[in-house]
Amino acid sequence: SATLLTPFAGQKVRIVVANPESDRLALAQQFRIVFTQSHWDFRGINTPMLFVSPNTLEFPHGIRLHVGVVSPAVQSLGNLLIDLFGRANIPDGFLDDKFAKDEIEINIDSKAK
């Protein structure tokens, strides 16, 4: 899988594991290894506490990309994640025009229902 990402060497990426638990942190560490082997600019693993409104219809789940622009690197990473984990575990990502245009954030949330 690292070879599929190598063409995008230098791509900035960081991982967010909200409300961390050992399984999701272990997955984040495995991703770190893949990004390092692919020569991506790995920016670390953040572990914030996530709070949601009681009116939230769906708690975030799966692995979701947060980007400022859909680049070939984003598309390649998204396709790789879907191939590895299945579409049900890779919800639509966040396209946010206020987010950095040259960075990818990977949010690893709880398991899909």
Protein backbone atom coordinates (compact mmCIF):
# COMPACT_ATOMS: atom_id res chain seq x y z
CA SER A 1 0.00 0.00 0.00
CA ALA A 2 2.93 2.35 0.57
CA THR A 3 3.87 2.12 -3.11
CA LEU A 4 0.43 3.47 -4.12
CA LEU A 5 1.11 6.64 -2.13
CA THR A 6 4.77 7.12 -3.07
CA PRO A 7 3.96 9.23 -6.18
CA PHE A 8 2.69 11.88 -3.75
CA ALA A 9 5.87 12.06 -1.62
CA GLY A 10 5.95 15.24 0.45
CA GLN A 11 2.16 15.31 0.92
CA LYS A 12 1.30 16.71 4.37
CA VAL A 13 -0.88 14.40 6.45
CA ARG A 14 -1.98 14.16 10.06
CA ILE A 15 -4.23 11.81 11.95
CA VAL A 16 -6.92 12.63 14.51
CA VAL A 17 -8.18 9.89 16.84
CA ALA A 18 -10.97 11.44 18.90
CA ASN A 19 -11.75 9.76 22.23
CA PRO A 20 -8.79 7.46 21.68
CA GLU A 21 -8.80 3.77 22.43
CA SER A 22 -6.07 1.19 21.89
CA ASP A 23 -7.42 -0.33 18.63
CA ARG A 24 -7.81 3.01 16.86
CA LEU A 25 -4.45 4.26 18.16
CA ALA A 26 -2.79 1.08 16.87
CA LEU A 27 -4.39 1.67 13.46
CA ALA A 28 -3.09 5.26 13.49
CA GLN A 29 0.42 3.96 14.24
CA GLN A 30 0.17 1.55 11.31
CA PHE A 31 -0.85 4.44 9.05
CA ARG A 32 2.15 6.42 10.37
CA ILE A 33 4.45 3.64 9.18
CA VAL A 34 2.85 3.58 5.71
CA PHE A 35 3.10 7.37 5.36
CA THR A 36 6.71 7.38 6.50
CA GLN A 37 7.60 4.62 4.02
CA SER A 38 5.79 6.60 1.30
CA HIS A 39 7.88 9.70 2.15
CA TRP A 40 4.83 11.73 3.08
CA ASP A 41 5.25 14.68 5.47
CA PHE A 42 3.65 13.03 8.53
CA ARG A 43 2.49 15.72 11.00
CA GLY A 44 1.58 13.47 13.94
CA ILE A 45 -1.36 11.87 15.70
CA ASN A 46 -3.72 14.13 17.67
CA THR A 47 -5.99 12.64 20.35
CA PRO A 48 -8.66 15.19 21.33
CA MET A 49 -11.84 14.51 23.29
CA LEU A 50 -14.89 14.63 20.99
CA PHE A 51 -18.18 16.11 22.14
CA VAL A 52 -21.35 15.94 20.09
CA SER A 53 -24.71 17.58 20.53
CA PRO A 54 -27.46 15.41 22.02
CA ASN A 55 -29.42 16.25 18.87
CA THR A 56 -26.80 14.64 16.63
CA LEU A 57 -28.49 12.01 14.51
CA GLU A 58 -25.37 9.97 13.85
CA PHE A 59 -22.18 9.65 15.86
CA PRO A 60 -19.10 9.92 13.60
CA HIS A 61 -17.83 6.50 12.54
CA GLY A 62 -15.18 4.97 10.35
CA ILE A 63 -12.22 6.68 8.71
CA ARG A 64 -12.98 10.07 7.21
CA LEU A 65 -10.74 12.44 5.24
CA HIS A 66 -10.82 16.20 5.93
CA VAL A 67 -9.34 18.32 3.13
CA GLY A 68 -9.34 21.77 1.64
CA VAL A 69 -9.11 20.55 -1.94
CA VAL A 70 -9.61 17.16 -3.61
CA SER A 71 -6.18 16.45 -5.07
CA PRO A 72 -4.86 13.31 -6.76
CA ALA A 73 -3.18 12.40 -3.43
CA VAL A 74 -6.55 12.68 -1.64
CA GLN A 75 -8.25 10.55 -4.27
CA SER A 76 -5.52 7.91 -4.14
CA LEU A 77 -5.63 7.74 -0.34
CA GLY A 78 -9.44 7.58 -0.32
CA ASN A 79 -9.46 4.75 -2.86
CA LEU A 80 -6.81 2.87 -0.88
CA LEU A 81 -8.83 3.19 2.34
CA ILE A 82 -12.01 1.97 0.62
CA ASP A 83 -10.10 -1.01 -0.84
CA LEU A 84 -8.72 -1.89 2.60
CA PHE A 85 -11.73 -1.28 4.84
CA GLY A 86 -14.80 -1.26 2.57
CA ARG A 87 -17.04 1.65 1.62
CA ALA A 88 -19.27 1.25 4.71
CA ASN A 89 -16.29 2.13 6.92
CA ILE A 90 -15.13 5.11 4.83
CA PRO A 91 -17.89 7.73 4.98
CA ASP A 92 -17.84 10.76 2.68
CA GLY A 93 -15.06 13.13 3.66
CA PHE A 94 -15.17 16.78 4.66
CA LEU A 95 -14.36 19.27 1.89
CA ASP A 96 -13.73 22.51 3.76
CA ASP A 97 -12.58 25.62 1.87
CA LYS A 98 -11.14 27.03 5.14
CA PHE A 99 -8.93 23.97 5.64
CA ALA A 100 -5.30 23.98 4.45
CA LYS A 101 -5.16 23.27 0.71
CA ASP A 102 -1.95 21.26 0.97
CA GLU A 103 -2.80 19.01 3.91
CA ILE A 104 -4.87 15.88 4.53
CA GLU A 105 -6.38 15.11 7.91
CA ILE A 106 -7.50 11.55 8.61
CA ASN A 107 -10.16 11.20 11.30
CA ILE A 108 -10.34 7.72 12.81
CA ASP A 109 -13.69 7.52 14.59
CA SER A 110 -15.56 4.65 16.21
CA LYS A 111 -16.55 1.53 14.26
CA ALA A 112 -19.41 1.62 11.82
CA LYS A 113 -22.69 0.31 13.18
